[in-house]
Amino acid sequence: MGVEKEIDGRQAARFVQNFFIEQYGAFGVNLFSVTGVEYDEEKKIWTVTCGFYRTLAAPNMEFYTVLVHSDGRIASVKKATT
């Protein structure tokens, strides 16, 4: 019987940051900021809300809500609308 390795909130936020760096490159994720981390015990999923500037000259941060499974897999990524 396998034991599922569960991550903590800090690790979930790190997975999210790494996900965006893989998507946009190191210079496409500037001043990455986590604004919230919550865990749903029933679903075993982390909700990470975060924001970052896509370029150093960008006037506004882009904000996202990312769901992360307790084993570190990204479940969904939703860009916040303003």
C-alpha atoms as a PDB file:
ATOM      1  CA  MET A   1       0.000   0.000   0.000  1.00  0.00           C
ATOM      2  CA  GLY A   2       1.582   3.296  -1.150  1.00  0.00           C
ATOM      3  CA  VAL A   3       1.805   6.372   1.017  1.00  0.00           C
ATOM      4  CA  GLU A   4       1.026   9.675  -0.694  1.00  0.00           C
ATOM      5  CA  LYS A   5       3.584  12.357   0.092  1.00  0.00           C
ATOM      6  CA  GLU A   6       1.763  15.531   1.046  1.00  0.00           C
ATOM      7  CA  ILE A   7       3.331  18.949   0.549  1.00  0.00           C
ATOM      8  CA  ASP A   8       2.935  21.955   2.818  1.00  0.00           C
ATOM      9  CA  GLY A   9       1.819  25.464   1.861  1.00  0.00           C
ATOM     10  CA  ARG A  10       5.359  26.734   1.337  1.00  0.00           C
ATOM     11  CA  GLN A  11       6.092  23.907  -1.075  1.00  0.00           C
ATOM     12  CA  ALA A  12       2.779  24.462  -2.887  1.00  0.00           C
ATOM     13  CA  ALA A  13       3.694  28.137  -3.419  1.00  0.00           C
ATOM     14  CA  ARG A  14       7.137  27.117  -4.698  1.00  0.00           C
ATOM     15  CA  PHE A  15       5.549  24.669  -7.188  1.00  0.00           C
ATOM     16  CA  VAL A  16       3.328  27.505  -8.436  1.00  0.00           C
ATOM     17  CA  GLN A  17       6.244  29.903  -8.841  1.00  0.00           C
ATOM     18  CA  ASN A  18       8.252  27.252 -10.713  1.00  0.00           C
ATOM     19  CA  PHE A  19       5.240  26.534 -12.933  1.00  0.00           C
ATOM     20  CA  PHE A  20       5.075  30.175 -14.041  1.00  0.00           C
ATOM     21  CA  ILE A  21       8.836  30.378 -14.570  1.00  0.00           C
ATOM     22  CA  GLU A  22       8.591  27.312 -16.837  1.00  0.00           C
ATOM     23  CA  GLN A  23       5.721  28.979 -18.739  1.00  0.00           C
ATOM     24  CA  TYR A  24       7.099  32.530 -19.067  1.00  0.00           C
ATOM     25  CA  GLY A  25      10.829  32.211 -18.385  1.00  0.00           C
ATOM     26  CA  ALA A  26      12.830  33.732 -15.551  1.00  0.00           C
ATOM     27  CA  PHE A  27      12.408  37.273 -16.922  1.00  0.00           C
ATOM     28  CA  GLY A  28       8.647  36.827 -17.383  1.00  0.00           C
ATOM     29  CA  VAL A  29       7.956  36.371 -13.660  1.00  0.00           C
ATOM     30  CA  ASN A  30       9.080  39.499 -11.815  1.00  0.00           C
ATOM     31  CA  LEU A  31       8.476  40.230  -8.121  1.00  0.00           C
ATOM     32  CA  PHE A  32       6.458  37.048  -7.609  1.00  0.00           C
ATOM     33  CA  SER A  33       4.200  37.512  -4.593  1.00  0.00           C
ATOM     34  CA  VAL A  34       1.981  34.998  -2.808  1.00  0.00           C
ATOM     35  CA  THR A  35      -1.144  36.692  -1.465  1.00  0.00           C
ATOM     36  CA  GLY A  36      -2.802  33.621   0.024  1.00  0.00           C
ATOM     37  CA  VAL A  37      -2.451  29.889   0.618  1.00  0.00           C
ATOM     38  CA  GLU A  38      -5.303  27.672   1.807  1.00  0.00           C
ATOM     39  CA  TYR A  39      -5.672  23.909   2.139  1.00  0.00           C
ATOM     40  CA  ASP A  40      -8.906  21.977   1.572  1.00  0.00           C
ATOM     41  CA  GLU A  41      -8.542  18.899   3.772  1.00  0.00           C
ATOM     42  CA  GLU A  42     -11.495  17.122   2.149  1.00  0.00           C
ATOM     43  CA  LYS A  43     -10.258  17.542  -1.439  1.00  0.00           C
ATOM     44  CA  LYS A  44      -6.572  17.438  -0.445  1.00  0.00           C
ATOM     45  CA  ILE A  45      -5.813  20.445  -2.598  1.00  0.00           C
ATOM     46  CA  TRP A  46      -3.991  23.735  -2.026  1.00  0.00           C
ATOM     47  CA  THR A  47      -5.331  27.044  -3.329  1.00  0.00           C
ATOM     48  CA  VAL A  48      -2.493  29.476  -3.971  1.00  0.00           C
ATOM     49  CA  THR A  49      -3.290  33.069  -4.943  1.00  0.00           C
ATOM     50  CA  CYS A  50      -0.375  35.009  -6.334  1.00  0.00           C
ATOM     51  CA  GLY A  51       0.685  37.832  -8.574  1.00  0.00           C
ATOM     52  CA  PHE A  52       3.689  38.994 -10.547  1.00  0.00           C
ATOM     53  CA  TYR A  53       4.769  41.442 -13.228  1.00  0.00           C
ATOM     54  CA  ARG A  54       5.255  39.920 -16.675  1.00  0.00           C
ATOM     55  CA  THR A  55       7.952  42.494 -17.493  1.00  0.00           C
ATOM     56  CA  LEU A  56       9.922  44.976 -15.426  1.00  0.00           C
ATOM     57  CA  ALA A  57       8.087  47.791 -17.235  1.00  0.00           C
ATOM     58  CA  ALA A  58       4.579  46.337 -16.776  1.00  0.00           C
ATOM     59  CA  PRO A  59       2.285  48.873 -15.077  1.00  0.00           C
ATOM     60  CA  ASN A  60       0.196  46.266 -13.235  1.00  0.00           C
ATOM     61  CA  MET A  61       0.642  42.869 -11.639  1.00  0.00           C
ATOM     62  CA  GLU A  62      -1.166  39.873 -13.093  1.00  0.00           C
ATOM     63  CA  PHE A  63      -2.968  37.819 -10.444  1.00  0.00           C
ATOM     64  CA  TYR A  64      -3.724  34.096 -10.531  1.00  0.00           C
ATOM     65  CA  THR A  65      -5.478  31.441  -8.489  1.00  0.00           C
ATOM     66  CA  VAL A  66      -3.745  28.078  -8.780  1.00  0.00           C
ATOM     67  CA  LEU A  67      -4.988  24.760  -7.397  1.00  0.00           C
ATOM     68  CA  VAL A  68      -2.250  22.311  -6.426  1.00  0.00           C
ATOM     69  CA  HIS A  69      -2.833  18.663  -5.515  1.00  0.00           C
ATOM     70  CA  SER A  70      -1.305  17.560  -2.213  1.00  0.00           C
ATOM     71  CA  ASP A  71       1.370  15.647  -4.152  1.00  0.00           C
ATOM     72  CA  GLY A  72       2.519  18.811  -6.001  1.00  0.00           C
ATOM     73  CA  ARG A  73       0.708  18.404  -9.320  1.00  0.00           C
ATOM     74  CA  ILE A  74      -0.901  21.574 -10.684  1.00  0.00           C
ATOM     75  CA  ALA A  75      -4.671  21.014 -10.944  1.00  0.00           C
ATOM     76  CA  SER A  76      -5.763  24.325 -12.515  1.00  0.00           C
ATOM     77  CA  VAL A  77      -4.605  27.855 -13.194  1.00  0.00           C
ATOM     78  CA  LYS A  78      -7.033  30.761 -13.437  1.00  0.00           C
ATOM     79  CA  LYS A  79      -6.081  34.330 -14.197  1.00  0.00           C
ATOM     80  CA  ALA A  80      -7.990  36.833 -12.098  1.00  0.00           C
ATOM     81  CA  THR A  81     -10.099  39.277 -14.071  1.00  0.00           C
ATOM     82  CA  THR A  82     -10.212  42.917 -13.097  1.00  0.00           C
END
